[in-house]
Protein backbone atom coordinates (compact mmCIF):
# COMPACT_ATOMS: atom_id res chain seq x y z
CA MET A 1 81.04 110.72 71.97
CA GLN A 2 79.60 108.80 74.89
CA ASP A 3 77.15 105.99 74.19
CA TYR A 4 74.20 107.52 76.04
CA ILE A 5 74.59 110.77 74.09
CA MET A 6 74.73 108.91 70.79
CA GLN A 7 71.64 106.93 71.77
CA ARG A 8 69.78 110.14 72.71
CA VAL A 9 70.79 111.76 69.42
CA MET A 10 69.38 108.85 67.44
CA GLU A 11 66.16 108.73 69.50
CA ILE A 12 65.61 112.46 69.04
CA THR A 13 66.41 112.22 65.33
CA ASN A 14 63.97 109.37 64.77
CA TYR A 15 61.29 111.18 66.76
CA ILE A 16 61.64 114.39 64.76
CA MET A 17 61.60 112.48 61.48
CA GLU A 18 58.46 110.54 62.46
CA THR A 19 56.49 113.43 63.92
CA GLY A 20 57.93 116.56 62.31
CA PHE A 21 57.83 118.21 65.74
CA THR A 22 59.68 121.42 66.48
CA VAL A 23 62.80 121.62 68.63
CA ARG A 24 60.72 123.00 71.49
CA GLN A 25 58.11 120.23 71.30
CA THR A 26 60.80 117.55 71.07
CA ALA A 27 62.70 118.99 74.03
CA GLN A 28 59.54 118.84 76.13
CA VAL A 29 58.90 115.20 75.21
CA PHE A 30 62.47 114.11 75.98
CA GLY A 31 62.85 116.28 79.08
CA VAL A 32 65.94 118.12 77.85
CA SER A 33 66.58 121.73 76.90
CA LYS A 34 65.97 123.20 73.46
CA SER A 35 69.70 123.86 73.22
CA THR A 36 70.46 120.18 73.78
CA VAL A 37 68.01 119.06 71.09
CA HIS A 38 69.35 121.64 68.65
CA LYS A 39 72.98 120.68 69.30
CA ASP A 40 72.13 116.98 69.05
CA VAL A 41 70.49 117.27 65.64
CA THR A 42 72.75 119.90 64.10
CA GLU A 43 76.24 119.12 65.38
CA ARG A 44 76.34 115.65 66.90
CA LEU A 45 74.14 113.96 64.30
CA SER A 46 76.38 115.16 61.47
CA GLN A 47 79.25 113.24 63.12
CA ILE A 48 77.15 110.07 63.20
CA ASN A 49 75.18 110.14 59.94
CA VAL A 50 75.44 112.94 57.39
CA ASN A 51 72.38 111.83 55.38
CA LEU A 52 70.10 111.77 58.43
CA SER A 53 71.53 115.10 59.49
CA GLN A 54 70.46 116.70 56.21
CA GLU A 55 66.96 115.20 56.42
CA VAL A 56 66.45 116.50 59.95
CA ARG A 57 67.87 119.89 58.96
CA ASN A 58 65.24 120.08 56.21
CA ILE A 59 62.49 119.40 58.77
CA LEU A 60 63.89 122.07 61.10
CA GLU A 61 64.04 124.56 58.23
CA ARG A 62 60.42 123.81 57.33
CA ASN A 63 59.41 124.33 60.96
CA LYS A 64 61.33 127.59 61.03
CA SER A 65 59.61 128.83 57.90
CA GLU A 66 56.18 127.98 59.37
CA ARG A 67 56.71 129.45 62.83
CA HIS A 68 54.99 132.75 62.01
CA ILE A 69 51.87 130.77 61.12
CA ARG A 70 51.92 128.81 64.40
CA GLY A 71 52.47 132.03 66.36
CA GLY A 72 49.57 133.73 64.62
CA GLU A 73 47.31 130.76 65.26
CA ALA A 74 48.23 130.73 68.95
CA THR A 75 47.42 134.44 69.22
CA ARG A 76 44.10 133.95 67.45
CA ARG A 77 43.14 131.17 69.86
CA LYS A 78 44.19 133.29 72.82
CA TYR A 79 41.92 136.15 71.82
CA LEU A 80 39.03 133.85 70.94
CA PHE A 81 39.35 132.33 74.41
CA ASP A 82 39.46 135.81 76.00
CA GLU A 83 36.32 136.88 74.08
CA LYS A 84 34.48 133.76 75.26
CA ASP A 85 35.44 134.54 78.89
CA ASP A 86 34.19 138.12 78.47
CA GLN A 87 30.86 136.86 77.10
CA ASP A 88 30.50 134.40 79.99
CA GLU A 89 31.16 137.20 82.47
CA LEU A 90 28.47 139.34 80.85
CA LEU A 91 25.95 136.49 81.05
CA VAL A 92 26.72 135.95 84.74
CA ALA A 93 26.46 139.70 85.45
CA GLU A 94 23.06 139.92 83.70
CA LYS A 95 21.56 137.21 85.91
């Protein structure tokens, strides 16, 4: 494995362990694809450090089990925002 890939794997691993961020959030921060982050922490990390690999896998599993909650929250915020826009439009139309 090339040095820059190994360095990226360790940086991504440390970041996920510190923040608990999802693969998608981590990919955005590091400017790489979700596939790259996933491959780094599932395949490449296990070649470097098995213990860290298991810890990160546990975080990813927790994120996976909570994703329905995050999706529901995002939808709720979307519709609350839409309702606020509708109310603002009514106020403007009444004036």
